[in-house]
Amino acid sequence: MPINFPSFKNYKRKIETVKKVDLPGRDWGIQEHLMNELKRLYPDQSPNLEWEIKEVWYRAGQVSVVRKLEQMQKD
């Protein structure tokens, strides 16, 4: 049974419609050792060809949260 992947064109369109949320500048108290542990648990890596599409999207969401926390820590 073939897997129906969403087209990149539709994905790009959805991304462009999402508004960037500007968070007020403040100290979020995100500790460096916590960020290191999150990066270890949820590495930013290419998907494995053996993963189902649901797992690919699930892991992408995990990495997205880690990236957002890292951005908040830097801002």
N, C-alpha and C. Protein backbone atom coordinates (compact mmCIF):
# COMPACT_ATOMS: atom_id res chain seq x y z
N MET A 1 0.85 -1.18 0.00
CA MET A 1 0.00 0.00 0.00
C MET A 1 0.90 1.24 0.00
N PRO A 2 0.76 2.11 -0.98
CA PRO A 2 1.63 3.29 -1.04
C PRO A 2 1.28 4.29 0.06
N ILE A 3 2.31 4.99 0.50
CA ILE A 3 2.13 6.01 1.53
C ILE A 3 1.87 7.34 0.85
N ASN A 4 0.84 8.03 1.27
CA ASN A 4 0.53 9.34 0.71
C ASN A 4 1.18 10.42 1.56
N PHE A 5 2.29 10.93 1.08
CA PHE A 5 2.97 12.00 1.78
C PHE A 5 2.34 13.34 1.39
N PRO A 6 2.22 14.27 2.34
CA PRO A 6 1.70 15.58 1.99
C PRO A 6 2.67 16.26 1.03
N SER A 7 2.12 16.98 0.08
CA SER A 7 3.00 17.65 -0.89
C SER A 7 3.73 18.80 -0.22
N PHE A 8 4.93 19.06 -0.68
CA PHE A 8 5.73 20.14 -0.13
C PHE A 8 5.06 21.49 -0.38
N LYS A 9 4.37 21.61 -1.49
CA LYS A 9 3.69 22.86 -1.83
C LYS A 9 2.64 23.19 -0.77
N ASN A 10 1.82 22.21 -0.39
CA ASN A 10 0.80 22.43 0.63
C ASN A 10 1.43 22.68 1.99
N TYR A 11 2.49 21.96 2.30
CA TYR A 11 3.19 22.13 3.58
C TYR A 11 3.76 23.54 3.67
N LYS A 12 4.38 24.00 2.60
CA LYS A 12 4.97 25.34 2.59
C LYS A 12 3.88 26.40 2.77
N ARG A 13 2.75 26.20 2.14
CA ARG A 13 1.64 27.15 2.24
C ARG A 13 1.15 27.23 3.69
N LYS A 14 1.06 26.08 4.36
CA LYS A 14 0.61 26.06 5.75
C LYS A 14 1.60 26.79 6.65
N ILE A 15 2.88 26.59 6.40
CA ILE A 15 3.90 27.26 7.21
C ILE A 15 3.81 28.77 7.05
N GLU A 16 3.59 29.23 5.84
CA GLU A 16 3.54 30.66 5.57
C GLU A 16 2.33 31.31 6.23
N THR A 17 1.27 30.53 6.48
CA THR A 17 0.07 31.12 7.07
C THR A 17 0.14 31.18 8.59
N VAL A 18 1.07 30.44 9.19
CA VAL A 18 1.22 30.46 10.64
C VAL A 18 1.92 31.75 11.04
N LYS A 19 1.30 32.49 11.94
CA LYS A 19 1.89 33.74 12.39
C LYS A 19 2.92 33.47 13.47
N LYS A 20 4.01 34.21 13.39
CA LYS A 20 5.06 34.07 14.40
C LYS A 20 4.57 34.71 15.69
N VAL A 21 4.72 33.98 16.77
CA VAL A 21 4.32 34.49 18.07
C VAL A 21 5.51 35.18 18.70
N ASP A 22 5.37 36.46 18.96
CA ASP A 22 6.43 37.21 19.61
C ASP A 22 6.23 37.15 21.11
N LEU A 23 7.19 36.57 21.79
CA LEU A 23 7.11 36.48 23.24
C LEU A 23 7.85 37.66 23.85
N PRO A 24 7.35 38.19 24.95
CA PRO A 24 8.05 39.32 25.57
C PRO A 24 9.42 38.89 26.06
N GLY A 25 10.41 39.78 25.94
CA GLY A 25 11.76 39.46 26.40
C GLY A 25 11.78 39.33 27.91
N ARG A 26 12.19 38.19 28.39
CA ARG A 26 12.29 37.94 29.82
C ARG A 26 13.18 36.74 30.07
N ASP A 27 13.55 36.57 31.30
CA ASP A 27 14.35 35.41 31.68
C ASP A 27 13.41 34.25 31.94
N TRP A 28 13.48 33.23 31.09
CA TRP A 28 12.59 32.09 31.21
C TRP A 28 13.11 31.06 32.19
N GLY A 29 14.33 31.23 32.66
CA GLY A 29 14.89 30.30 33.64
C GLY A 29 15.16 28.92 33.08
N ILE A 30 15.41 28.84 31.77
CA ILE A 30 15.71 27.56 31.15
C ILE A 30 17.19 27.27 31.39
N GLN A 31 17.47 26.25 32.16
CA GLN A 31 18.84 25.97 32.55
C GLN A 31 19.58 25.21 31.46
N GLU A 32 20.88 25.46 31.38
CA GLU A 32 21.71 24.87 30.33
C GLU A 32 21.70 23.34 30.40
N HIS A 33 21.78 22.78 31.60
CA HIS A 33 21.80 21.31 31.69
C HIS A 33 20.47 20.70 31.25
N LEU A 34 19.37 21.43 31.45
CA LEU A 34 18.07 20.96 30.98
C LEU A 34 18.05 20.94 29.45
N MET A 35 18.55 22.01 28.83
CA MET A 35 18.59 22.06 27.37
C MET A 35 19.46 20.95 26.81
N ASN A 36 20.60 20.70 27.44
CA ASN A 36 21.48 19.64 26.97
C ASN A 36 20.80 18.27 27.06
N GLU A 37 20.06 18.05 28.13
CA GLU A 37 19.35 16.78 28.29
C GLU A 37 18.23 16.64 27.26
N LEU A 38 17.50 17.71 27.01
CA LEU A 38 16.43 17.66 26.00
C LEU A 38 17.00 17.40 24.61
N LYS A 39 18.14 18.02 24.29
CA LYS A 39 18.78 17.77 23.00
C LYS A 39 19.26 16.33 22.89
N ARG A 40 19.70 15.75 24.00
CA ARG A 40 20.13 14.36 23.99
C ARG A 40 18.94 13.41 23.81
N LEU A 41 17.83 13.71 24.50
CA LEU A 41 16.64 12.85 24.42
C LEU A 41 15.92 12.97 23.09
N TYR A 42 15.90 14.17 22.53
CA TYR A 42 15.16 14.44 21.29
C TYR A 42 16.12 15.04 20.25
N PRO A 43 17.01 14.22 19.70
CA PRO A 43 18.02 14.75 18.77
C PRO A 43 17.41 15.24 17.46
N ASP A 44 18.02 16.25 16.92
CA ASP A 44 17.61 16.80 15.62
C ASP A 44 18.33 15.98 14.55
N GLN A 45 17.63 14.98 14.03
CA GLN A 45 18.25 14.05 13.09
C GLN A 45 17.31 13.77 11.93
N SER A 46 17.86 13.25 10.87
CA SER A 46 17.05 12.87 9.71
C SER A 46 16.20 11.66 10.07
N PRO A 47 15.00 11.58 9.48
CA PRO A 47 14.13 10.44 9.77
C PRO A 47 14.75 9.14 9.27
N ASN A 48 14.47 8.08 9.99
CA ASN A 48 14.87 6.74 9.60
C ASN A 48 13.85 6.23 8.58
N LEU A 49 14.31 5.58 7.54
CA LEU A 49 13.40 5.08 6.50
C LEU A 49 12.44 4.01 7.02
N GLU A 50 12.75 3.43 8.15
CA GLU A 50 11.88 2.39 8.73
C GLU A 50 10.74 2.96 9.56
N TRP A 51 10.79 4.26 9.88
CA TRP A 51 9.74 4.88 10.68
C TRP A 51 8.47 5.07 9.87
N GLU A 52 7.35 4.94 10.55
CA GLU A 52 6.07 5.28 9.91
C GLU A 52 5.94 6.81 9.87
N ILE A 53 5.10 7.30 9.00
CA ILE A 53 4.96 8.75 8.83
C ILE A 53 4.51 9.42 10.13
N LYS A 54 3.67 8.74 10.92
CA LYS A 54 3.21 9.31 12.19
C LYS A 54 4.37 9.53 13.14
N GLU A 55 5.31 8.59 13.15
CA GLU A 55 6.48 8.72 14.01
C GLU A 55 7.38 9.85 13.55
N VAL A 56 7.51 10.02 12.24
CA VAL A 56 8.31 11.12 11.71
C VAL A 56 7.76 12.45 12.19
N TRP A 57 6.45 12.64 12.07
CA TRP A 57 5.83 13.90 12.48
C TRP A 57 5.89 14.07 14.00
N TYR A 58 5.73 12.99 14.73
CA TYR A 58 5.79 13.05 16.19
C TYR A 58 7.17 13.51 16.65
N ARG A 59 8.20 12.90 16.08
CA ARG A 59 9.57 13.28 16.44
C ARG A 59 9.89 14.70 15.98
N ALA A 60 9.37 15.10 14.85
CA ALA A 60 9.58 16.47 14.39
C ALA A 60 8.97 17.46 15.38
N GLY A 61 7.84 17.11 15.95
CA GLY A 61 7.22 17.96 16.97
C GLY A 61 8.06 18.07 18.22
N GLN A 62 8.67 16.96 18.62
CA GLN A 62 9.54 16.99 19.79
C GLN A 62 10.71 17.93 19.56
N VAL A 63 11.34 17.81 18.41
CA VAL A 63 12.49 18.65 18.08
C VAL A 63 12.06 20.11 17.98
N SER A 64 10.86 20.35 17.47
CA SER A 64 10.35 21.71 17.36
C SER A 64 10.23 22.38 18.72
N VAL A 65 9.78 21.63 19.71
CA VAL A 65 9.66 22.18 21.07
C VAL A 65 11.05 22.51 21.63
N VAL A 66 12.01 21.62 21.41
CA VAL A 66 13.37 21.87 21.90
C VAL A 66 13.96 23.11 21.23
N ARG A 67 13.71 23.25 19.93
CA ARG A 67 14.21 24.45 19.21
C ARG A 67 13.58 25.72 19.77
N LYS A 68 12.28 25.68 20.05
CA LYS A 68 11.59 26.85 20.58
C LYS A 68 12.14 27.22 21.95
N LEU A 69 12.37 26.23 22.81
CA LEU A 69 12.94 26.52 24.14
C LEU A 69 14.33 27.11 24.00
N GLU A 70 15.09 26.60 23.05
CA GLU A 70 16.44 27.12 22.83
C GLU A 70 16.38 28.58 22.35
N GLN A 71 15.43 28.87 21.48
CA GLN A 71 15.24 30.25 21.00
C GLN A 71 14.85 31.16 22.15
N MET A 72 13.94 30.70 22.99
CA MET A 72 13.50 31.50 24.13
C MET A 72 14.67 31.76 25.09
N GLN A 73 15.54 30.78 25.24
CA GLN A 73 16.69 30.92 26.12
C GLN A 73 17.64 31.99 25.59
N LYS A 74 17.80 32.05 24.27
CA LYS A 74 18.74 33.00 23.66
C LYS A 74 18.18 34.42 23.62
N ASP A 75 16.88 34.55 23.44
CA ASP A 75 16.25 35.89 23.32
C ASP A 75 16.19 36.61 24.64
